[in-house]
Amino acid sequence: MNRILFFFISGITSLATVTASVSKFLILGGSSNTAHALIKQLSVQQKPCTIFARNTDKVKTLFSQYDTIEYVEGSASEDAELLIATAKGKEYIYLGQDFPYTIWEKCLGRLVDTVIAAATKTGATIIYPGRIYKYGLVEEIFEDTEPQPNSHQGEVLEKIENQLINAAIEKKCPVLIVRHSYPFGPGVRDGLMNNVFIEVPNGKPMKWIARTDIPQQLTFTPDLARFIESAAQKTRQENTWLETVNFPGYTVESMDEFGITLCEVASSHGNPLTYVPNAHSYIAMSALALIDSGTKRGIDTFYSFNNSIMLNDSKQQELYPDFVMTPLKVALRQTIRWYKKNKNVAS
């Protein structure tokens, strides 16, 4: 039976609906790409989770069909007492929150400090979805590859991960870093992969501004969410203080191949589509970056789209040999269906 829980901390009032079962996951960033997938992964299994977000009304519209979600409104980077109170009793804190690029560096650093403090007090494991940018321009990334960032984002993300790694080494709190490639899937509404899918329901070609003739890796976010849940349970059961594992997802021979497959799937499900490579201009993107912070973020790491930078998955295969990814065509069909249903949300 549901009950209403009020938090009165530091003058902040938050209203949350709490289910009778115990919520083990505290998820920061309910509307972000990977957090969206993890929330859905837990919710379809009727596993309660708690979403800590700056705007809970926005997040509730995304998950209104589920009654196993607790909502707490606040700023995780600023409301330390509220975050610590919310984290009490949780086993995992998912650090999936993102910020507008203009305040990203400043807010992300504060957020990680606050999350480490909350995890230290509550004993929760911090789960962090890592990216490839701290490694710079390398051909292959292993879990122990030395960082060599060549972008501003890469430098910031190296500092952030070092904060988390040091917290685990000092035994303040356990940390799990799951490093993934470019995300796509239901709920992914930003980045270059959003440009690939956003116009597909309208019969327009995918927009990919970088090289289309080289191998790339792409992560289907529902698969990433399933893997994160499995890895979190494993590290918790084994009392692991620090674990880093790569989850590269699909390796496609080229974005040309990916685009052709996307068109085949779309056309076979009522959305006739013809593949047109490089349908989006890099010059136009560069101009847009002058006024749009999201595009500016993409320009900062554009080198990664024009080169094949591969996550090595040997550790994943060794530790999780039974994990099976969703077939690519099924993943594409599910993603197209979501964009078709959520045109206004995705735009």
Protein backbone atom coordinates (compact mmCIF):
# COMPACT_ATOMS: atom_id res chain seq x y z
CA MET A 1 0.00 0.00 0.00
CA ASN A 2 1.34 3.40 -0.96
CA ARG A 3 2.03 6.07 1.60
CA ILE A 4 3.16 9.69 1.36
CA LEU A 5 6.60 10.58 2.65
CA PHE A 6 7.64 14.18 3.34
CA PHE A 7 11.22 15.32 3.74
CA PHE A 8 11.80 18.52 5.71
CA ILE A 9 15.50 19.24 5.50
CA SER A 10 17.27 22.59 5.23
CA GLY A 11 14.03 24.30 4.30
CA ILE A 12 13.42 21.95 1.34
CA THR A 13 10.17 20.02 1.07
CA SER A 14 9.95 17.02 -1.21
CA LEU A 15 6.92 14.87 -1.91
CA ALA A 16 7.47 11.23 -2.79
CA THR A 17 5.25 8.22 -3.38
CA VAL A 18 6.71 5.15 -1.71
CA THR A 19 5.75 1.57 -2.45
CA ALA A 20 5.54 -1.12 0.18
CA SER A 21 8.66 -2.90 -1.10
CA VAL A 22 12.11 -1.62 -0.30
CA SER A 23 13.88 0.53 -2.88
CA LYS A 24 17.52 -0.54 -3.32
CA PHE A 25 18.41 1.87 -6.14
CA LEU A 26 18.75 5.63 -5.79
CA ILE A 27 18.99 7.00 -9.32
CA LEU A 28 20.26 10.49 -10.06
CA GLY A 29 19.25 11.85 -13.44
CA GLY A 30 15.89 10.26 -14.17
CA SER A 31 15.57 11.79 -17.63
CA SER A 32 19.13 11.20 -18.83
CA ASN A 33 19.98 8.56 -21.41
CA THR A 34 21.31 5.69 -19.32
CA ALA A 35 19.28 6.49 -16.19
CA HIS A 36 16.07 6.30 -18.22
CA ALA A 37 16.92 2.76 -19.31
CA LEU A 38 17.88 1.63 -15.79
CA ILE A 39 14.64 2.98 -14.30
CA LYS A 40 12.61 1.12 -16.90
CA GLN A 41 14.68 -2.04 -16.43
CA LEU A 42 13.89 -2.09 -12.72
CA SER A 43 10.27 -0.97 -13.09
CA VAL A 44 9.21 -3.64 -15.60
CA GLN A 45 10.43 -6.21 -13.07
CA GLN A 46 8.36 -4.51 -10.35
CA LYS A 47 11.57 -3.63 -8.51
CA PRO A 48 11.19 -0.33 -6.64
CA CYS A 49 13.65 2.48 -7.23
CA THR A 50 14.00 6.06 -6.06
CA ILE A 51 14.55 8.93 -8.51
CA PHE A 52 16.28 12.06 -7.22
CA ALA A 53 15.70 14.85 -9.73
CA ARG A 54 15.61 18.62 -10.01
CA ASN A 55 12.20 18.50 -11.68
CA THR A 56 10.14 15.48 -10.62
CA ASP A 57 7.09 16.59 -12.63
CA LYS A 58 9.11 16.19 -15.82
CA VAL A 59 10.38 12.77 -14.79
CA LYS A 60 6.94 11.54 -13.72
CA THR A 61 5.62 12.09 -17.23
CA LEU A 62 8.23 9.62 -18.51
CA PHE A 63 7.33 6.85 -16.08
CA SER A 64 3.67 7.46 -15.28
CA GLN A 65 2.75 3.85 -16.07
CA TYR A 66 4.84 2.49 -13.18
CA ASP A 67 3.78 2.51 -9.52
CA THR A 68 7.06 1.25 -8.04
CA ILE A 69 8.93 4.54 -8.28
CA GLU A 70 9.61 6.97 -5.44
CA TYR A 71 10.24 10.58 -6.46
CA VAL A 72 12.35 13.04 -4.49
CA GLU A 73 12.83 16.57 -5.77
CA GLY A 74 16.05 18.44 -5.12
CA SER A 75 19.48 19.30 -6.45
CA ALA A 76 21.86 16.42 -5.81
CA SER A 77 24.86 18.72 -6.23
CA GLU A 78 23.60 21.19 -3.60
CA ASP A 79 21.13 19.44 -1.26
CA ALA A 80 23.64 17.21 0.53
CA GLU A 81 21.47 16.57 3.61
CA LEU A 82 18.45 15.62 1.52
CA LEU A 83 20.55 13.33 -0.66
CA ILE A 84 22.07 11.58 2.36
CA ALA A 85 18.64 11.14 3.93
CA THR A 86 17.26 9.73 0.69
CA ALA A 87 20.23 7.37 0.28
CA LYS A 88 19.65 5.80 3.71
CA GLY A 89 18.85 2.12 3.28
CA LYS A 90 19.79 2.06 -0.41
CA GLU A 91 22.35 -0.41 -1.75
CA TYR A 92 23.19 1.51 -4.92
CA ILE A 93 23.47 5.14 -6.03
CA TYR A 94 23.43 5.53 -9.80
CA LEU A 95 25.40 8.61 -10.83
CA GLY A 96 23.64 9.26 -14.12
CA GLN A 97 22.72 12.93 -13.81
CA ASP A 98 23.83 15.34 -16.50
CA PHE A 99 23.93 19.13 -16.65
CA PRO A 100 23.81 21.79 -19.38
CA TYR A 101 27.30 22.11 -20.81
CA THR A 102 27.67 25.73 -19.61
CA ILE A 103 27.55 24.57 -15.95
CA TRP A 104 28.52 20.93 -16.48
CA GLU A 105 32.06 21.00 -15.09
CA LYS A 106 31.23 23.01 -11.97
CA CYS A 107 28.09 21.07 -11.06
CA LEU A 108 29.48 17.62 -11.85
CA GLY A 109 32.42 18.08 -9.49
CA ARG A 110 30.12 19.14 -6.64
CA LEU A 111 27.73 16.31 -7.44
CA VAL A 112 30.43 13.65 -7.16
CA ASP A 113 31.62 15.07 -3.82
CA THR A 114 28.05 14.95 -2.48
CA VAL A 115 27.41 11.43 -3.78
CA ILE A 116 30.64 10.12 -2.24
CA ALA A 117 29.62 11.68 1.09
CA ALA A 118 26.18 10.05 0.87
CA ALA A 119 27.61 6.65 -0.07
CA THR A 120 30.20 6.87 2.72
CA LYS A 121 27.50 7.49 5.32
CA THR A 122 25.06 4.88 4.04
CA GLY A 123 27.34 2.11 2.73
CA ALA A 124 25.85 2.27 -0.78
CA THR A 125 27.77 1.31 -3.92
CA ILE A 126 28.23 4.14 -6.41
CA ILE A 127 27.53 3.09 -10.00
CA TYR A 128 29.04 5.36 -12.63
CA PRO A 129 28.42 5.06 -16.40
CA GLY A 130 31.86 5.88 -17.76
CA ARG A 131 32.66 7.21 -21.23
CA ILE A 132 35.71 6.88 -23.47
CA TYR A 133 36.82 10.50 -23.57
CA LYS A 134 39.44 10.44 -20.82
CA TYR A 135 41.57 8.13 -22.97
CA GLY A 136 41.94 10.47 -25.91
CA LEU A 137 42.83 9.17 -29.35
CA VAL A 138 43.72 5.50 -28.82
CA GLU A 139 42.79 2.46 -30.88
CA GLU A 140 41.69 0.16 -28.07
CA ILE A 141 40.69 0.75 -24.45
CA PHE A 142 41.24 -1.89 -21.78
CA GLU A 143 40.15 -1.44 -18.18
CA ASP A 144 43.76 -0.62 -17.20
CA THR A 145 44.60 1.65 -20.14
CA GLU A 146 46.31 4.87 -19.03
CA PRO A 147 44.21 8.02 -19.60
CA GLN A 148 45.52 10.50 -22.18
CA PRO A 149 42.71 13.04 -22.59
CA ASN A 150 42.87 15.36 -25.58
CA SER A 151 39.63 17.27 -24.97
CA HIS A 152 38.19 19.41 -22.21
CA GLN A 153 35.52 16.82 -21.46
CA GLY A 154 38.16 14.13 -21.28
CA GLU A 155 40.18 16.10 -18.73
CA VAL A 156 37.12 16.74 -16.57
CA LEU A 157 35.95 13.14 -16.71
CA GLU A 158 39.41 11.89 -15.73
CA LYS A 159 39.24 14.07 -12.60
CA ILE A 160 35.73 12.83 -11.82
CA GLU A 161 36.71 9.18 -12.14
CA ASN A 162 39.80 9.76 -10.03
CA GLN A 163 37.54 11.11 -7.26
CA LEU A 164 35.48 7.94 -7.39
CA ILE A 165 38.47 5.60 -7.65
CA ASN A 166 40.21 7.26 -4.70
CA ALA A 167 37.04 6.98 -2.61
CA ALA A 168 37.00 3.23 -3.27
CA ILE A 169 40.73 2.78 -2.66
CA GLU A 170 40.39 4.62 0.65
CA LYS A 171 37.45 2.32 1.46
CA LYS A 172 35.03 5.16 1.86
CA CYS A 173 32.50 3.46 -0.41
CA PRO A 174 32.37 0.76 -3.12
CA VAL A 175 32.47 1.98 -6.73
CA LEU A 176 31.42 0.26 -9.95
CA ILE A 177 32.36 1.92 -13.25
CA VAL A 178 30.71 0.50 -16.37
CA ARG A 179 32.27 2.10 -19.45
CA HIS A 180 30.10 2.18 -22.53
CA SER A 181 30.19 3.47 -26.11
CA TYR A 182 27.76 5.86 -27.83
CA PRO A 183 24.29 5.22 -26.38
CA PHE A 184 21.07 4.83 -28.36
CA GLY A 185 17.65 3.48 -27.49
CA PRO A 186 14.29 4.50 -26.04
CA GLY A 187 14.66 7.65 -23.97
CA VAL A 188 17.91 8.82 -25.57
CA ARG A 189 17.15 12.40 -26.51
CA ASP A 190 20.50 14.13 -26.92
CA GLY A 191 23.84 13.68 -28.61
CA LEU A 192 24.63 12.60 -32.14
CA MET A 193 22.69 9.34 -31.79
CA ASN A 194 19.53 11.36 -31.22
CA ASN A 195 20.14 12.96 -34.64
CA VAL A 196 20.29 9.47 -36.14
CA PHE A 197 16.76 8.55 -35.02
CA ILE A 198 14.77 11.71 -34.49
CA GLU A 199 13.57 12.14 -38.10
CA VAL A 200 13.20 8.44 -38.95
CA PRO A 201 9.45 8.36 -38.08
CA ASN A 202 8.99 11.23 -40.57
CA GLY A 203 10.71 9.31 -43.37
CA LYS A 204 13.78 11.53 -43.35
CA PRO A 205 17.33 10.12 -43.50
CA MET A 206 19.49 9.74 -40.44
CA LYS A 207 21.88 12.58 -39.67
CA TRP A 208 25.49 11.57 -39.12
CA ILE A 209 28.08 14.27 -39.63
CA ALA A 210 31.27 12.26 -39.10
CA ARG A 211 33.01 9.55 -41.11
CA THR A 212 30.72 6.74 -42.16
CA ASP A 213 33.35 4.33 -43.50
CA ILE A 214 35.07 3.17 -40.29
CA PRO A 215 34.06 0.76 -37.49
CA GLN A 216 32.19 2.21 -34.50
CA GLN A 217 30.73 0.86 -31.28
CA LEU A 218 27.18 1.62 -30.16
CA THR A 219 25.43 0.73 -26.90
CA PHE A 220 21.72 -0.10 -26.74
CA THR A 221 20.73 1.46 -23.41
CA PRO A 222 18.29 -1.31 -22.33
CA ASP A 223 21.16 -3.80 -22.70
CA LEU A 224 23.42 -1.48 -20.72
CA ALA A 225 20.80 -1.28 -17.97
CA ARG A 226 20.51 -5.07 -17.77
CA PHE A 227 24.27 -5.37 -17.59
CA ILE A 228 24.56 -2.68 -14.91
CA GLU A 229 22.01 -4.46 -12.75
CA SER A 230 23.90 -7.77 -13.09
CA ALA A 231 27.29 -6.20 -12.42
CA ALA A 232 25.95 -4.26 -9.42
CA GLN A 233 24.58 -7.41 -7.83
CA LYS A 234 27.81 -9.32 -8.48
CA THR A 235 30.11 -6.67 -7.01
CA ARG A 236 27.83 -6.23 -3.99
CA GLN A 237 27.69 -9.97 -3.29
CA GLU A 238 31.46 -10.28 -3.61
CA ASN A 239 32.12 -7.19 -1.43
CA THR A 240 34.20 -5.62 -4.19
CA TRP A 241 35.43 -2.12 -3.37
CA LEU A 242 36.37 -1.11 -6.90
CA GLU A 243 35.35 -2.64 -10.21
CA THR A 244 35.72 -1.27 -13.72
CA VAL A 245 34.36 -3.15 -16.70
CA ASN A 246 33.88 -2.21 -20.35
CA PHE A 247 30.53 -2.68 -22.05
CA PRO A 248 31.08 -1.77 -25.73
CA GLY A 249 27.74 -3.02 -27.06
CA TYR A 250 27.61 -3.55 -30.82
CA THR A 251 30.61 -3.19 -33.09
CA VAL A 252 29.45 -2.17 -36.56
CA GLU A 253 31.73 -2.28 -39.59
CA SER A 254 30.72 1.27 -40.47
CA MET A 255 27.97 3.81 -39.95
CA ASP A 256 27.10 3.19 -43.59
CA GLU A 257 26.27 -0.40 -42.64
CA PHE A 258 24.38 0.78 -39.57
CA GLY A 259 22.40 3.30 -41.64
CA ILE A 260 21.44 0.73 -44.26
CA THR A 261 20.27 -1.68 -41.54
CA LEU A 262 18.31 1.13 -39.88
CA CYS A 263 16.55 1.90 -43.18
CA GLU A 264 15.71 -1.77 -43.70
CA VAL A 265 14.15 -2.04 -40.25
CA ALA A 266 12.24 1.24 -40.58
CA SER A 267 10.93 0.36 -44.05
CA SER A 268 9.78 -3.09 -42.93
CA HIS A 269 7.69 -1.50 -40.16
CA GLY A 270 5.81 1.16 -42.08
CA ASN A 271 8.39 3.95 -42.25
CA PRO A 272 9.87 3.89 -45.78
CA LEU A 273 13.40 5.22 -45.57
CA THR A 274 16.36 5.52 -47.94
CA TYR A 275 19.89 5.76 -46.61
CA VAL A 276 21.68 9.01 -47.37
CA PRO A 277 25.19 9.24 -45.86
CA ASN A 278 26.32 12.46 -44.20
CA ALA A 279 22.88 14.05 -44.34
CA HIS A 280 23.93 16.60 -41.74
CA SER A 281 26.60 19.21 -42.37
CA TYR A 282 29.62 19.47 -40.07
CA ILE A 283 29.89 23.14 -41.06
CA ALA A 284 26.32 23.68 -39.93
CA MET A 285 27.05 21.90 -36.65
CA SER A 286 30.13 24.06 -36.07
CA ALA A 287 28.06 27.20 -36.60
CA LEU A 288 25.33 25.92 -34.29
CA ALA A 289 27.94 25.22 -31.60
CA LEU A 290 28.48 28.97 -31.27
CA ILE A 291 25.01 29.37 -29.77
CA ASP A 292 24.05 25.88 -28.59
CA SER A 293 25.92 24.36 -25.63
CA GLY A 294 24.86 20.80 -26.45
CA THR A 295 26.36 21.05 -29.92
CA LYS A 296 29.48 22.66 -28.45
CA ARG A 297 29.89 19.57 -26.27
CA GLY A 298 29.76 17.38 -29.37
CA ILE A 299 32.39 19.46 -31.15
CA ASP A 300 34.75 19.07 -28.17
CA THR A 301 34.86 15.29 -28.61
CA PHE A 302 34.30 15.15 -32.35
CA TYR A 303 37.61 13.36 -32.84
CA SER A 304 36.01 10.23 -31.39
CA PHE A 305 33.43 10.08 -34.19
CA ASN A 306 36.05 10.41 -36.91
CA ASN A 307 38.20 7.60 -35.53
CA SER A 308 37.63 4.00 -34.44
CA ILE A 309 38.19 3.95 -30.68
CA MET A 310 37.26 0.50 -29.42
CA LEU A 311 36.42 -0.72 -25.95
CA ASN A 312 37.90 -4.16 -25.35
CA ASP A 313 35.26 -6.55 -24.00
CA SER A 314 37.42 -9.51 -22.90
CA LYS A 315 36.79 -8.82 -19.20
CA GLN A 316 33.06 -8.56 -19.76
CA GLN A 317 33.06 -11.86 -21.65
CA GLU A 318 35.09 -13.56 -18.93
CA LEU A 319 33.03 -12.34 -15.96
CA TYR A 320 29.59 -12.39 -17.62
CA PRO A 321 29.73 -15.15 -20.25
CA ASP A 322 25.96 -15.71 -20.18
CA PHE A 323 24.99 -12.14 -20.94
CA VAL A 324 23.16 -11.96 -24.27
CA MET A 325 22.66 -8.68 -26.12
CA THR A 326 19.48 -7.77 -27.92
CA PRO A 327 19.77 -8.48 -31.69
CA LEU A 328 20.60 -5.22 -33.44
CA LYS A 329 17.50 -5.21 -35.66
CA VAL A 330 15.28 -5.72 -32.60
CA ALA A 331 17.07 -2.87 -30.81
CA LEU A 332 16.56 -0.61 -33.83
CA ARG A 333 12.87 -1.52 -34.07
CA GLN A 334 12.32 -0.74 -30.37
CA THR A 335 14.14 2.57 -30.71
CA ILE A 336 12.19 3.64 -33.80
CA ARG A 337 8.93 2.71 -32.08
CA TRP A 338 9.84 4.90 -29.08
CA TYR A 339 10.74 7.89 -31.25
CA LYS A 340 7.52 7.46 -33.23
CA LYS A 341 5.47 7.40 -30.03
CA ASN A 342 7.37 10.25 -28.37
CA LYS A 343 7.90 12.75 -31.19
CA ASN A 344 7.24 15.76 -29.01
CA VAL A 345 9.42 14.42 -26.18
CA ALA A 346 12.28 13.52 -28.47
CA SER A 347 12.42 16.77 -30.37
